[in-house]
Amino acid sequence: MTISSSLNAGVAGLTANASRLGAISDNIANSSTLGYRRVEASFESLVISGNGGNYAAGGVRATTQRLIDQGGSLVTTSNPTDLAVRGRGFLPVALSSDVAVGNGTPQMLLTSTGSFRTDSEGRLVTESGLVLLGWPAGPDGSIPTFPRDTSDGLEPVQINVNQLTGEPTTAVNLGINLPATETESTADGTPQQLSVEYFDNLGRSENIQIAFAPTVPADGASNQWTMTLADSAQDGAIIGEYALSFDDARASGGTLLDVVTLSGGPYDPTSGRLIVDVDGGPVEVNIGRPGTSEGLTQLSDSFAPLSISKDGSPVGNMTSASVDENGFVRATFDTGASRVIYQVPLVDLPNPNGMISLDQQTYRPSPDSGSFFLWNAGDGPTGDMVSFARQESATDVAGELTDMIQTQRAYSSNAKVIQTVDEMLQETTNIIR
């Protein structure tokens, strides 16, 4: 019984070390595979209880586990849609063959890195056929509310390079100095004219025509103006009229003192903004808060439009797409405007090592991994998303070669045990001769 158990233990040792060598060889073979997670082999002893004080060797058993939660370091690339996860979390992807079938929502797989480029349909796909998944943004660039415990809201990220877009103007900031000398009794009262371009809802260029008419008193200086705003899209119709008063005190001279609404939207002194209705909708005009020099001022003798800015953009063609650290896919247009078109979440699970390993460094959630949750990149336990980057293999070649030497010695030792048992059995056979 003891000799027989020794033989079985030796055979078990050969089998276990062969399994460990298989894991080592797989790790070394994938030492240059981007995103690869190494396999680790562990040994467990088998104990057979003896009868009557006799000992029986139980042997050893090898178990293997892929360490999915241990990733490699990041390397930079030149492609803006090369993505890697820095920290905890995985990118949601799907097989291009699954997407092409079009039978509902494709099955979500997970990976830690990928070199995504547009295919003939504009979808972001890797060379091996993994399609990046994300939540589509609304026309205004905002991401609607999607469920976080299911992949139902995810769809292939599609970059339409032939897309045209225009952003309507919703806010205008005016930084203008009005000449104080024009409100003196000796002035001729000529209004100061200014035209500010804005973009309507169809990307067309229109203008808000602004006239500043000074109040000329009979004596001294009034420090008062009437600001009139007209819309070119409405054939010059007046959309707002406001009486402006400026301070002439020593500490706050030249700053806005008071604004009285004559027509149009009300002026808010706490924000320094007023709202006028152009043909396409309301536009917020910032003229500054009373007592500050951030908007309209009245100093010296020159009319100076110092700073005029606005949001919105004319119609432009998409030129490129990029992914930021929070997973927002932004399209950039030749007008300089950019807009969010998708958000790629990061998927996290309680036990990443419990996932099912598949080809192409992809994984599928399982009951052992626990329920997944879709996080915004950088929120909760997840890391952030890095573009222009790939994740290297988690294999440490030096460590694997060291383990291979140990495995080889252990395998040889077990083979020696089998040889010794064979010689002992041969001696036992020779007894009966």
Protein backbone atom coordinates (compact mmCIF):
# COMPACT_ATOMS: atom_id res chain seq x y z
CA MET A 1 0.00 0.00 0.00
CA THR A 2 2.79 2.44 0.95
CA ILE A 3 4.85 1.72 -2.16
CA SER A 4 1.76 1.98 -4.36
CA SER A 5 0.76 5.31 -2.79
CA SER A 6 4.30 6.60 -3.35
CA LEU A 7 3.96 5.78 -7.03
CA ASN A 8 0.60 7.55 -7.22
CA ALA A 9 2.00 10.59 -5.40
CA GLY A 10 4.88 10.77 -7.87
CA VAL A 11 2.48 10.61 -10.82
CA ALA A 12 0.32 13.33 -9.22
CA GLY A 13 3.45 15.46 -8.78
CA LEU A 14 4.30 15.07 -12.47
CA THR A 15 0.75 16.05 -13.45
CA ALA A 16 0.68 19.06 -11.11
CA ASN A 17 4.03 20.39 -12.30
CA ALA A 18 3.01 19.83 -15.91
CA SER A 19 -0.05 22.03 -15.24
CA ARG A 20 2.15 24.68 -13.67
CA LEU A 21 4.50 24.55 -16.66
CA GLY A 22 1.48 25.01 -18.92
CA ALA A 23 0.51 28.18 -17.04
CA ILE A 24 4.09 29.47 -17.19
CA SER A 25 4.37 28.78 -20.91
CA ASP A 26 1.07 30.57 -21.54
CA ASN A 27 2.28 33.60 -19.58
CA ILE A 28 5.61 33.75 -21.41
CA ALA A 29 3.93 33.28 -24.79
CA ASN A 30 1.72 36.29 -24.03
CA SER A 31 4.44 38.50 -22.55
CA SER A 32 3.93 40.92 -25.47
CA THR A 33 0.15 40.60 -25.66
CA LEU A 34 -1.38 43.95 -24.70
CA GLY A 35 -3.95 43.64 -21.93
CA TYR A 36 -3.03 40.05 -21.06
CA ARG A 37 -3.63 38.94 -17.46
CA ARG A 38 -1.33 36.19 -16.19
CA VAL A 39 -2.36 32.74 -14.99
CA GLU A 40 -1.13 31.47 -11.62
CA ALA A 41 -0.90 27.80 -10.64
CA SER A 42 -1.31 26.78 -6.99
CA PHE A 43 -0.65 23.38 -5.40
CA GLU A 44 -2.90 21.68 -2.84
CA SER A 45 -1.86 18.60 -0.89
CA LEU A 46 -4.11 15.53 -0.84
CA VAL A 47 -4.18 13.65 2.49
CA ILE A 48 -5.24 10.01 2.81
CA SER A 49 -5.95 8.93 6.37
CA GLY A 50 -3.93 5.86 7.35
CA ASN A 51 -5.30 2.66 8.95
CA GLY A 52 -3.58 1.11 11.92
CA GLY A 53 -0.74 3.61 11.91
CA ASN A 54 0.23 2.96 8.29
CA TYR A 55 0.93 6.09 6.25
CA ALA A 56 -0.29 6.50 2.67
CA ALA A 57 0.92 9.30 0.40
CA GLY A 58 -1.94 11.34 -0.98
CA GLY A 59 -0.03 13.40 -3.51
CA VAL A 60 -0.75 16.88 -4.82
CA ARG A 61 -3.31 18.64 -6.99
CA ALA A 62 -2.78 21.79 -9.09
CA THR A 63 -5.37 24.51 -9.54
CA THR A 64 -5.00 27.51 -11.85
CA GLN A 65 -6.51 31.00 -11.65
CA ARG A 66 -6.30 33.97 -14.00
CA LEU A 67 -5.45 37.11 -12.03
CA ILE A 68 -7.78 39.46 -13.88
CA ASP A 69 -7.53 42.14 -11.19
CA GLN A 70 -3.77 42.57 -11.77
CA GLY A 71 -3.05 44.63 -14.87
CA GLY A 72 0.12 45.75 -16.60
CA SER A 73 1.65 49.19 -16.98
CA LEU A 74 0.52 51.73 -19.59
CA VAL A 75 2.38 52.70 -22.76
CA THR A 76 1.67 55.73 -24.94
CA THR A 77 0.52 55.53 -28.56
CA SER A 78 -0.33 58.00 -31.34
CA ASN A 79 -4.00 57.08 -31.79
CA PRO A 80 -6.52 59.21 -29.83
CA THR A 81 -8.92 56.28 -29.61
CA ASP A 82 -6.39 53.86 -28.14
CA LEU A 83 -7.85 53.37 -24.68
CA ALA A 84 -6.61 51.88 -21.42
CA VAL A 85 -8.08 51.77 -17.93
CA ARG A 86 -5.83 53.19 -15.24
CA GLY A 87 -6.94 51.53 -12.03
CA ARG A 88 -10.01 49.46 -11.32
CA GLY A 89 -12.70 48.85 -13.95
CA PHE A 90 -13.16 47.47 -17.46
CA LEU A 91 -14.25 48.79 -20.85
CA PRO A 92 -17.56 47.41 -22.20
CA VAL A 93 -17.17 45.85 -25.65
CA ALA A 94 -19.04 43.47 -27.93
CA LEU A 95 -18.06 41.17 -30.79
CA SER A 96 -18.46 42.79 -34.20
CA SER A 97 -20.11 39.60 -35.44
CA ASP A 98 -22.68 39.93 -32.66
CA VAL A 99 -23.31 43.58 -33.53
CA ALA A 100 -23.66 42.80 -37.26
CA VAL A 101 -26.46 40.31 -36.60
CA GLY A 102 -28.58 43.08 -35.09
CA ASN A 103 -30.71 40.85 -32.90
CA GLY A 104 -31.30 43.27 -30.05
CA THR A 105 -28.63 44.36 -27.59
CA PRO A 106 -25.27 42.61 -28.21
CA GLN A 107 -23.74 40.64 -25.36
CA MET A 108 -21.46 42.82 -23.24
CA LEU A 109 -17.90 41.61 -22.76
CA LEU A 110 -15.20 43.35 -20.74
CA THR A 111 -11.61 44.27 -21.53
CA SER A 112 -9.01 46.56 -20.02
CA THR A 113 -7.53 48.06 -23.20
CA GLY A 114 -8.07 48.31 -26.92
CA SER A 115 -6.89 50.06 -30.08
CA PHE A 116 -10.18 51.31 -31.50
CA ARG A 117 -10.51 52.72 -35.01
CA THR A 118 -13.53 53.45 -37.20
CA ASP A 119 -14.79 50.74 -39.56
CA SER A 120 -16.88 51.20 -42.72
CA GLU A 121 -19.93 52.00 -40.57
CA GLY A 122 -18.07 54.49 -38.40
CA ARG A 123 -18.08 52.20 -35.36
CA LEU A 124 -15.02 52.12 -33.10
CA VAL A 125 -13.64 48.59 -33.56
CA THR A 126 -10.34 46.86 -32.77
CA GLU A 127 -8.44 44.88 -35.38
CA SER A 128 -9.63 41.68 -33.70
CA GLY A 129 -13.30 42.70 -33.98
CA LEU A 130 -14.20 44.18 -30.57
CA VAL A 131 -16.69 47.04 -30.78
CA LEU A 132 -16.60 49.73 -28.08
CA LEU A 133 -19.94 50.26 -26.31
CA GLY A 134 -21.26 53.46 -24.75
CA TRP A 135 -24.32 55.53 -23.92
CA PRO A 136 -25.44 57.90 -26.72
CA ALA A 137 -25.73 61.61 -25.91
CA GLY A 138 -28.72 63.78 -26.70
CA PRO A 139 -28.68 66.52 -29.37
CA ASP A 140 -27.46 69.01 -26.76
CA GLY A 141 -24.54 66.80 -25.72
CA SER A 142 -26.05 65.69 -22.40
CA ILE A 143 -26.18 62.03 -21.39
CA PRO A 144 -29.70 60.79 -20.51
CA THR A 145 -30.24 58.66 -17.43
CA PHE A 146 -29.54 54.99 -18.18
CA PRO A 147 -29.76 51.94 -15.86
CA ARG A 148 -26.42 51.13 -14.23
CA ASP A 149 -26.97 47.46 -13.38
CA THR A 150 -27.66 46.27 -16.93
CA SER A 151 -26.10 46.68 -20.35
CA ASP A 152 -29.44 47.37 -22.07
CA GLY A 153 -28.70 51.08 -22.65
CA LEU A 154 -25.28 50.50 -24.23
CA GLU A 155 -24.85 50.65 -27.98
CA PRO A 156 -21.85 50.63 -30.36
CA VAL A 157 -19.96 53.93 -30.35
CA GLN A 158 -20.34 55.28 -33.88
CA ILE A 159 -18.35 58.22 -35.25
CA ASN A 160 -20.07 59.82 -38.24
CA VAL A 161 -17.28 61.78 -39.92
CA ASN A 162 -19.76 63.24 -42.43
CA GLN A 163 -21.81 64.79 -39.63
CA LEU A 164 -22.60 68.52 -39.70
CA THR A 165 -23.45 70.44 -36.58
CA GLY A 166 -24.09 73.99 -35.43
CA GLU A 167 -24.49 75.31 -31.91
CA PRO A 168 -26.99 78.15 -31.34
CA THR A 169 -25.86 81.13 -29.30
CA THR A 170 -27.44 81.29 -25.85
CA ALA A 171 -25.13 83.73 -24.04
CA VAL A 172 -23.26 86.93 -24.93
CA ASN A 173 -20.73 88.75 -22.70
CA LEU A 174 -20.20 92.48 -23.27
CA GLY A 175 -17.06 94.25 -22.05
CA ILE A 176 -17.48 97.81 -23.36
CA ASN A 177 -16.31 101.22 -22.20
CA LEU A 178 -18.64 104.16 -22.90
CA PRO A 179 -17.11 107.66 -23.13
CA ALA A 180 -17.98 109.72 -20.06
CA THR A 181 -17.53 112.95 -22.05
CA GLU A 182 -20.57 112.08 -24.21
CA THR A 183 -22.94 112.60 -21.25
CA GLU A 184 -21.75 116.16 -20.62
CA SER A 185 -23.79 119.19 -21.59
CA THR A 186 -21.33 120.10 -24.36
CA ALA A 187 -21.71 116.74 -26.18
CA ASP A 188 -23.68 116.36 -29.42
CA GLY A 189 -25.62 113.26 -28.22
CA THR A 190 -24.58 110.95 -31.10
CA PRO A 191 -25.41 107.29 -30.24
CA GLN A 192 -22.62 104.72 -30.19
CA GLN A 193 -23.37 101.74 -32.46
CA LEU A 194 -22.26 98.13 -32.06
CA SER A 195 -23.19 94.89 -33.85
CA VAL A 196 -22.72 91.52 -32.11
CA GLU A 197 -22.95 88.36 -34.21
CA TYR A 198 -24.89 85.35 -32.96
CA PHE A 199 -25.84 81.98 -34.48
CA ASP A 200 -29.45 80.90 -34.74
CA ASN A 201 -30.89 77.42 -34.30
CA LEU A 202 -29.99 76.47 -37.88
CA GLY A 203 -26.39 77.68 -37.62
CA ARG A 204 -27.03 80.87 -39.58
CA SER A 205 -25.23 84.09 -38.70
CA GLU A 206 -27.42 86.92 -37.38
CA ASN A 207 -26.71 90.11 -35.43
CA ILE A 208 -27.85 91.86 -32.29
CA GLN A 209 -27.56 95.55 -33.10
CA ILE A 210 -26.83 97.58 -29.95
CA ALA A 211 -27.12 101.36 -29.72
CA PHE A 212 -25.94 103.38 -26.72
CA ALA A 213 -27.64 106.79 -26.71
CA PRO A 214 -26.21 109.26 -24.14
CA THR A 215 -28.45 111.54 -22.09
CA VAL A 216 -27.17 115.10 -22.63
CA PRO A 217 -28.19 117.43 -19.77
CA ALA A 218 -28.59 121.19 -19.88
CA ASP A 219 -25.76 121.56 -17.40
CA GLY A 220 -23.01 119.32 -15.98
CA ALA A 221 -22.91 115.56 -16.75
CA SER A 222 -25.76 113.04 -16.54
CA ASN A 223 -23.69 109.80 -16.59
CA GLN A 224 -26.75 108.14 -18.13
CA TRP A 225 -27.28 106.14 -21.31
CA THR A 226 -30.13 104.33 -23.02
CA MET A 227 -29.14 100.94 -24.41
CA THR A 228 -31.34 99.61 -27.23
CA LEU A 229 -31.01 96.08 -28.64
CA ALA A 230 -32.47 95.08 -32.03
CA ASP A 231 -32.52 91.71 -33.84
CA SER A 232 -31.49 91.48 -37.50
CA ALA A 233 -33.44 88.22 -37.86
CA GLN A 234 -36.63 90.16 -37.04
CA ASP A 235 -35.95 92.98 -39.51
CA GLY A 236 -34.39 95.17 -36.85
CA ALA A 237 -37.22 94.86 -34.32
CA ILE A 238 -36.32 96.17 -30.86
CA ILE A 239 -35.97 93.29 -28.38
CA GLY A 240 -34.85 95.25 -25.33
CA GLU A 241 -34.35 98.78 -24.04
CA TYR A 242 -32.58 99.73 -20.79
CA ALA A 243 -31.67 102.95 -18.95
CA LEU A 244 -28.09 102.79 -17.65
CA SER A 245 -26.67 104.96 -14.87
CA PHE A 246 -22.97 105.09 -14.01
CA ASP A 247 -21.29 106.07 -10.75
CA ASP A 248 -19.00 109.10 -10.53
CA ALA A 249 -17.83 108.61 -6.92
CA ARG A 250 -14.08 108.67 -6.14
CA ALA A 251 -13.84 104.97 -5.18
CA SER A 252 -16.20 103.52 -7.79
CA GLY A 253 -16.19 106.07 -10.60
CA GLY A 254 -17.04 104.66 -14.01
CA THR A 255 -18.76 101.52 -12.78
CA LEU A 256 -22.37 100.60 -13.42
CA LEU A 257 -24.66 102.16 -10.81
CA ASP A 258 -28.17 101.15 -11.81
CA VAL A 259 -30.10 99.53 -14.68
CA VAL A 260 -33.80 100.20 -15.32
CA THR A 261 -35.67 97.92 -17.71
CA LEU A 262 -37.75 99.90 -20.21
CA SER A 263 -38.66 96.89 -22.37
CA GLY A 264 -37.45 93.33 -22.85
CA GLY A 265 -36.34 90.85 -20.24
CA PRO A 266 -35.53 92.02 -16.69
CA TYR A 267 -32.00 92.81 -15.53
CA ASP A 268 -30.66 90.75 -12.61
CA PRO A 269 -28.19 92.82 -10.55
CA THR A 270 -26.88 89.75 -8.68
CA SER A 271 -25.61 88.13 -11.87
CA GLY A 272 -25.27 91.19 -14.08
CA ARG A 273 -27.32 89.53 -16.82
CA LEU A 274 -30.44 90.32 -18.80
CA ILE A 275 -32.38 88.12 -21.21
CA VAL A 276 -33.64 89.19 -24.63
CA ASP A 277 -35.63 87.13 -27.12
CA VAL A 278 -34.07 86.87 -30.56
CA ASP A 279 -35.87 85.10 -33.38
CA GLY A 280 -34.64 81.66 -32.31
CA GLY A 281 -35.22 81.99 -28.58
CA PRO A 282 -33.82 83.67 -25.47
CA VAL A 283 -30.23 84.92 -25.32
CA GLU A 284 -28.57 85.88 -22.03
CA VAL A 285 -26.58 89.12 -22.25
CA ASN A 286 -24.02 89.83 -19.51
CA ILE A 287 -23.45 93.57 -19.01
CA GLY A 288 -21.87 93.29 -15.55
CA ARG A 289 -22.95 93.81 -11.94
CA PRO A 290 -23.32 97.24 -10.34
CA GLY A 291 -20.15 98.48 -8.66
CA THR A 292 -17.82 96.26 -10.71
CA SER A 293 -15.80 96.81 -13.87
CA GLU A 294 -16.46 93.37 -15.36
CA GLY A 295 -18.99 94.46 -18.01
CA LEU A 296 -20.03 97.98 -19.05
CA THR A 297 -17.99 100.93 -17.79
CA GLN A 298 -18.00 104.69 -18.44
CA LEU A 299 -14.54 106.21 -18.41
CA SER A 300 -12.58 108.84 -20.30
CA ASP A 301 -13.54 109.93 -23.82
CA SER A 302 -13.36 106.81 -25.99
CA PHE A 303 -15.88 104.17 -27.04
CA ALA A 304 -14.02 100.86 -26.68
CA PRO A 305 -15.49 97.38 -27.18
CA LEU A 306 -12.79 95.72 -25.08
CA SER A 307 -14.12 92.20 -24.73
CA ILE A 308 -17.05 90.65 -26.56
CA SER A 309 -17.58 86.88 -26.39
CA LYS A 310 -20.38 84.44 -27.07
CA ASP A 311 -21.08 80.74 -27.18
CA GLY A 312 -22.42 78.81 -30.15
CA SER A 313 -20.84 78.12 -33.50
CA PRO A 314 -21.70 78.07 -37.22
CA VAL A 315 -22.26 74.82 -39.10
CA GLY A 316 -19.08 72.75 -39.29
CA ASN A 317 -17.79 69.33 -40.35
CA MET A 318 -16.57 66.76 -37.87
CA THR A 319 -12.80 66.39 -38.11
CA SER A 320 -11.86 64.10 -35.22
CA ALA A 321 -13.04 62.32 -32.11
CA SER A 322 -11.36 61.78 -28.76
CA VAL A 323 -12.12 60.23 -25.38
CA ASP A 324 -11.41 62.11 -22.15
CA GLU A 325 -10.51 60.72 -18.71
CA ASN A 326 -14.18 60.54 -17.69
CA GLY A 327 -15.14 58.43 -20.70
CA PHE A 328 -16.87 61.18 -22.70
CA VAL A 329 -16.42 60.76 -26.46
CA ARG A 330 -16.09 64.26 -27.93
CA ALA A 331 -16.44 65.13 -31.60
CA THR A 332 -14.40 68.11 -32.79
CA PHE A 333 -15.52 70.18 -35.77
CA ASP A 334 -13.58 72.39 -38.16
CA THR A 335 -15.18 75.46 -36.61
CA GLY A 336 -13.34 74.71 -33.37
CA ALA A 337 -16.50 73.57 -31.59
CA SER A 338 -16.68 70.24 -29.78
CA ARG A 339 -19.63 68.23 -28.54
CA VAL A 340 -20.14 65.09 -26.45
CA ILE A 341 -21.64 62.30 -28.55
CA TYR A 342 -21.19 59.25 -26.26
CA GLN A 343 -20.13 58.31 -22.77
CA VAL A 344 -18.19 55.09 -22.21
CA PRO A 345 -18.72 53.81 -18.64
CA LEU A 346 -16.35 51.63 -16.66
CA VAL A 347 -17.71 48.30 -15.45
CA ASP A 348 -16.80 47.06 -11.98
CA LEU A 349 -17.51 43.77 -10.21
CA PRO A 350 -16.95 42.55 -6.63
CA ASN A 351 -14.71 39.68 -7.78
CA PRO A 352 -13.07 40.31 -11.17
CA ASN A 353 -11.11 37.05 -10.88
CA GLY A 354 -14.40 35.16 -10.96
CA MET A 355 -15.17 36.22 -14.51
CA ILE A 356 -15.03 33.78 -17.42
CA SER A 357 -11.92 34.30 -19.57
CA LEU A 358 -12.43 34.41 -23.33
CA ASP A 359 -10.29 35.07 -26.40
CA GLN A 360 -8.80 38.49 -27.23
CA GLN A 361 -8.26 39.43 -23.54
CA THR A 362 -12.00 39.67 -22.96
CA TYR A 363 -14.02 38.48 -19.98
CA ARG A 364 -17.64 37.71 -19.27
CA PRO A 365 -19.35 38.28 -15.90
CA SER A 366 -20.44 35.13 -14.08
CA PRO A 367 -22.16 34.23 -10.80
CA ASP A 368 -18.68 33.88 -9.23
CA SER A 369 -17.73 37.44 -10.19
CA GLY A 370 -20.87 38.98 -8.69
CA SER A 371 -23.23 41.55 -10.17
CA PHE A 372 -21.62 44.27 -12.27
CA PHE A 373 -22.26 48.02 -12.07
CA LEU A 374 -21.62 50.69 -14.69
CA TRP A 375 -19.77 53.67 -13.21
CA ASN A 376 -18.75 56.99 -14.67
CA ALA A 377 -14.99 56.76 -15.16
CA GLY A 378 -13.27 58.23 -12.12
CA ASP A 379 -16.30 57.80 -9.85
CA GLY A 380 -16.78 55.27 -7.07
CA PRO A 381 -14.10 52.56 -6.95
CA THR A 382 -13.12 52.86 -10.61
CA GLY A 383 -10.05 54.48 -12.06
CA ASP A 384 -10.00 56.79 -15.06
CA MET A 385 -9.75 56.27 -18.78
CA VAL A 386 -6.54 57.10 -20.63
CA SER A 387 -6.51 57.82 -24.37
CA PHE A 388 -3.38 57.61 -26.53
CA ALA A 389 -2.45 54.60 -24.36
CA ARG A 390 -2.50 50.80 -24.20
CA GLN A 391 -2.04 48.45 -21.26
CA GLU A 392 0.90 46.06 -21.42
CA SER A 393 0.89 42.40 -20.51
CA ALA A 394 0.93 41.63 -16.80
CA THR A 395 3.60 38.94 -17.36
CA ASP A 396 6.95 39.36 -15.59
CA VAL A 397 9.24 37.30 -17.82
CA ALA A 398 12.05 37.14 -15.24
CA GLY A 399 9.67 35.82 -12.60
CA GLU A 400 8.17 33.29 -15.00
CA LEU A 401 11.62 31.96 -15.96
CA THR A 402 12.48 31.56 -12.28
CA ASP A 403 9.25 29.66 -11.71
CA MET A 404 10.04 27.51 -14.73
CA ILE A 405 13.39 26.47 -13.24
CA GLN A 406 11.68 25.53 -9.98
CA THR A 407 9.01 23.59 -11.87
CA GLN A 408 11.62 21.73 -13.89
CA ARG A 409 13.47 20.68 -10.72
CA ALA A 410 10.25 19.62 -9.06
CA TYR A 411 9.23 17.61 -12.12
CA SER A 412 12.63 15.87 -12.20
CA SER A 413 12.36 15.05 -8.49
CA ASN A 414 8.93 13.47 -8.96
CA ALA A 415 10.26 11.49 -11.89
CA LYS A 416 13.08 10.28 -9.63
CA VAL A 417 10.48 9.14 -7.05
CA ILE A 418 8.75 7.05 -9.73
CA GLN A 419 12.08 5.58 -10.80
CA THR A 420 12.91 4.69 -7.17
CA VAL A 421 9.50 3.04 -6.65
CA ASP A 422 10.04 1.06 -9.86
CA GLU A 423 13.42 -0.20 -8.57
CA MET A 424 11.86 -1.17 -5.20
CA LEU A 425 9.07 -3.09 -6.92
CA GLN A 426 11.69 -4.83 -9.02
CA GLU A 427 13.50 -5.89 -5.85
CA THR A 428 10.23 -7.20 -4.43
CA THR A 429 9.65 -9.20 -7.61
CA ASN A 430 13.14 -10.71 -7.38
CA ILE A 431 12.38 -12.13 -3.91
CA ILE A 432 10.17 -14.91 -5.31
CA ARG A 433 12.76 -16.09 -7.79
